[in-house]
Amino acid sequence: MTIAALSPAEARVAIDAGARLIDIRWVDEHARERIPGAVNLPLERVGDLPADGRPIVFHCKSGMRTSANAAQLCAAAGDAPVYILGGGIDGWRKAGQPTIADRSQPLEIMRQVQITAGTLVLAGVLLGLFAAPGFFGLSAFVGAGLMFAGVTGWCGMANLLRIMPWNRRSPA
């Protein structure tokens, strides 16, 4: 199913005319940076969207999540006209539209996973080369964990990072 994509300028006009802007990103992503007036309703909860007949503009970070889940978004919107913000919040920002950024919020969990996994793989390789070959197993373990996360949708590292003290702040 395909949903019409609006440019940031077209989306601004639609929002000013009464369309609802729904951010389907995770709560931590929305807390770190958001479009003014956007309502955060993560993709896994988009079925809770109240129907009021007004047009809906869905957005994510880059537009890929919204495009990939078009059928689910259309179903959640009911009979309301549905649009996607082309390029997501990244495109919105590049077009010079305003965002609210709160850099005091923790980095998004997926960025934390990428940083942690990259650090562990690099450490495993360097330790394997310069200390003991057994450390190559660390890189293999992290790689296997990332493959498992990709196949199952469950990421142990993300779950572990989510409960770390720096991630316990309440979202804005």
Protein backbone atom coordinates (compact mmCIF):
# COMPACT_ATOMS: atom_id res chain seq x y z
CA MET A 1 0.00 0.00 0.00
CA THR A 2 1.29 3.46 -0.89
CA ILE A 3 0.55 6.66 0.99
CA ALA A 4 1.12 10.06 -0.61
CA ALA A 5 4.26 11.76 0.65
CA LEU A 6 4.17 15.45 1.42
CA SER A 7 7.19 17.70 1.22
CA PRO A 8 7.97 19.58 4.44
CA ALA A 9 6.40 22.73 2.97
CA GLU A 10 3.24 20.83 1.94
CA ALA A 11 3.08 19.17 5.36
CA ARG A 12 3.39 22.58 7.05
CA VAL A 13 0.39 23.83 5.02
CA ALA A 14 -1.63 20.69 5.90
CA ILE A 15 -0.79 21.01 9.61
CA ASP A 16 -1.68 24.72 9.61
CA ALA A 17 -5.00 23.74 8.00
CA GLY A 18 -5.76 21.31 10.86
CA ALA A 19 -4.03 18.02 9.98
CA ARG A 20 -2.62 16.06 12.92
CA LEU A 21 1.11 15.35 12.93
CA ILE A 22 1.84 11.92 14.41
CA ASP A 23 5.41 10.94 15.26
CA ILE A 24 5.73 7.12 15.12
CA ARG A 25 9.30 7.05 16.44
CA TRP A 26 10.18 5.59 19.84
CA VAL A 27 9.64 7.74 22.92
CA ASP A 28 13.39 8.28 23.41
CA GLU A 29 13.77 9.56 19.85
CA HIS A 30 10.84 11.96 20.26
CA ALA A 31 12.20 13.24 23.59
CA ARG A 32 15.57 14.11 22.04
CA GLU A 33 14.16 15.98 19.01
CA ARG A 34 10.64 16.60 17.79
CA ILE A 35 8.58 18.76 15.49
CA PRO A 36 6.53 21.33 17.43
CA GLY A 37 2.96 20.12 17.81
CA ALA A 38 3.75 16.50 16.88
CA VAL A 39 2.03 13.85 18.97
CA ASN A 40 4.24 10.87 19.81
CA LEU A 41 2.49 7.58 19.15
CA PRO A 42 5.15 4.88 18.62
CA LEU A 43 4.49 2.45 15.79
CA GLU A 44 3.66 -0.39 18.17
CA ARG A 45 0.86 1.77 19.67
CA VAL A 46 -0.39 3.45 16.49
CA GLY A 47 -3.59 1.38 16.71
CA ASP A 48 -4.54 3.55 19.71
CA LEU A 49 -4.88 6.60 17.45
CA PRO A 50 -8.24 8.27 18.18
CA ALA A 51 -10.33 8.80 15.07
CA ASP A 52 -11.63 12.31 14.54
CA GLY A 53 -11.76 12.48 10.74
CA ARG A 54 -9.00 15.09 10.42
CA PRO A 55 -6.18 14.40 7.95
CA ILE A 56 -3.11 12.75 9.47
CA VAL A 57 0.53 13.30 8.57
CA PHE A 58 2.72 10.51 9.93
CA HIS A 59 6.45 10.95 10.33
CA CYS A 60 9.50 9.06 11.52
CA LYS A 61 13.21 9.87 11.34
CA SER A 62 13.84 9.49 7.60
CA GLY A 63 10.54 8.35 6.07
CA MET A 64 11.55 4.69 5.82
CA ARG A 65 9.55 3.43 8.84
CA THR A 66 6.42 5.22 7.70
CA SER A 67 6.73 3.92 4.14
CA ALA A 68 7.45 0.37 5.29
CA ASN A 69 4.38 0.35 7.56
CA ALA A 70 1.91 2.10 5.26
CA ALA A 71 -0.84 -0.52 5.60
CA GLN A 72 -0.68 -0.39 9.41
CA LEU A 73 -0.81 3.43 9.38
CA CYS A 74 -3.78 3.49 6.99
CA ALA A 75 -5.65 1.01 9.18
CA ALA A 76 -4.96 3.12 12.28
CA ALA A 77 -6.21 6.28 10.57
CA GLY A 78 -9.56 4.75 9.63
CA ASP A 79 -11.38 6.94 7.12
CA ALA A 80 -9.17 10.01 7.63
CA PRO A 81 -6.90 11.12 4.79
CA VAL A 82 -3.36 9.84 5.43
CA TYR A 83 -0.03 11.31 4.39
CA ILE A 84 3.64 10.71 5.12
CA LEU A 85 6.13 13.48 5.77
CA GLY A 86 8.65 12.86 3.00
CA GLY A 87 12.14 12.51 4.46
CA GLY A 88 10.78 12.41 8.01
CA ILE A 89 12.11 14.76 10.66
CA ASP A 90 15.49 14.75 8.89
CA GLY A 91 13.87 16.17 5.73
CA TRP A 92 11.83 18.62 7.83
CA ARG A 93 15.01 19.95 9.48
CA LYS A 94 16.90 20.12 6.14
CA ALA A 95 14.03 22.17 4.68
CA GLY A 96 14.57 24.76 7.40
CA GLN A 97 11.44 23.91 9.37
CA PRO A 98 11.70 24.25 13.17
CA THR A 99 12.31 21.40 15.57
CA ILE A 100 12.61 21.26 19.33
CA ALA A 101 15.86 19.61 20.37
CA ASP A 102 16.63 18.61 23.94
CA ARG A 103 20.25 17.49 23.96
CA SER A 104 20.01 16.88 27.71
CA GLN A 105 17.99 13.75 26.88
CA PRO A 106 19.98 10.51 26.48
CA LEU A 107 20.99 9.38 23.01
CA GLU A 108 18.44 7.18 21.26
CA ILE A 109 18.72 3.52 22.31
CA MET A 110 19.62 2.33 18.80
CA ARG A 111 22.49 4.84 18.61
CA GLN A 112 23.67 3.59 22.00
CA VAL A 113 23.54 0.01 20.69
CA GLN A 114 25.57 0.99 17.63
CA ILE A 115 28.20 2.78 19.74
CA THR A 116 28.42 -0.06 22.27
CA ALA A 117 28.51 -2.85 19.67
CA GLY A 118 31.12 -1.02 17.60
CA THR A 119 33.28 -0.45 20.67
CA LEU A 120 33.04 -4.09 21.75
CA VAL A 121 33.85 -5.40 18.26
CA LEU A 122 36.83 -3.05 17.93
CA ALA A 123 38.05 -3.95 21.43
CA GLY A 124 37.72 -7.67 20.64
CA VAL A 125 39.72 -7.32 17.43
CA LEU A 126 42.45 -5.18 18.99
CA LEU A 127 42.74 -7.40 22.07
CA GLY A 128 42.72 -10.47 19.81
CA LEU A 129 45.61 -9.04 17.80
CA PHE A 130 47.72 -7.65 20.62
CA ALA A 131 46.79 -9.58 23.78
CA ALA A 132 45.37 -13.05 23.17
CA PRO A 133 43.53 -14.63 20.21
CA GLY A 134 40.68 -15.68 22.50
CA PHE A 135 39.45 -12.08 22.52
CA PHE A 136 38.29 -12.49 18.91
CA GLY A 137 35.41 -14.38 20.52
CA LEU A 138 34.09 -11.08 21.90
CA SER A 139 33.67 -9.73 18.37
CA ALA A 140 32.03 -12.98 17.28
CA PHE A 141 29.64 -12.87 20.27
CA VAL A 142 28.59 -9.28 19.52
CA GLY A 143 28.15 -10.09 15.82
CA ALA A 144 26.01 -13.12 16.66
CA GLY A 145 23.92 -10.98 19.02
CA LEU A 146 23.32 -8.37 16.32
CA MET A 147 22.31 -11.08 13.84
CA PHE A 148 19.92 -12.56 16.41
CA ALA A 149 18.43 -9.10 17.04
CA GLY A 150 17.94 -8.57 13.31
CA VAL A 151 16.24 -11.94 12.80
CA THR A 152 14.02 -11.93 15.91
CA GLY A 153 13.44 -8.24 16.57
CA TRP A 154 14.63 -8.71 20.17
CA CYS A 155 17.87 -6.98 21.15
CA GLY A 156 19.36 -7.91 24.50
CA MET A 157 21.87 -5.08 24.32
CA ALA A 158 19.09 -2.52 23.76
CA ASN A 159 17.14 -3.94 26.68
CA LEU A 160 20.20 -3.77 28.89
CA LEU A 161 21.04 -0.22 27.83
CA ARG A 162 17.42 0.87 28.35
CA ILE A 163 17.68 0.15 32.10
CA MET A 164 21.00 1.93 32.59
CA PRO A 165 20.85 4.92 34.97
CA TRP A 166 21.42 7.53 32.24
CA ASN A 167 18.33 6.25 30.37
CA ARG A 168 15.95 6.42 33.33
CA ARG A 169 15.02 10.06 32.73
CA SER A 170 11.42 10.75 31.97
CA PRO A 171 10.73 11.84 28.37
CA ALA A 172 9.92 15.49 27.69
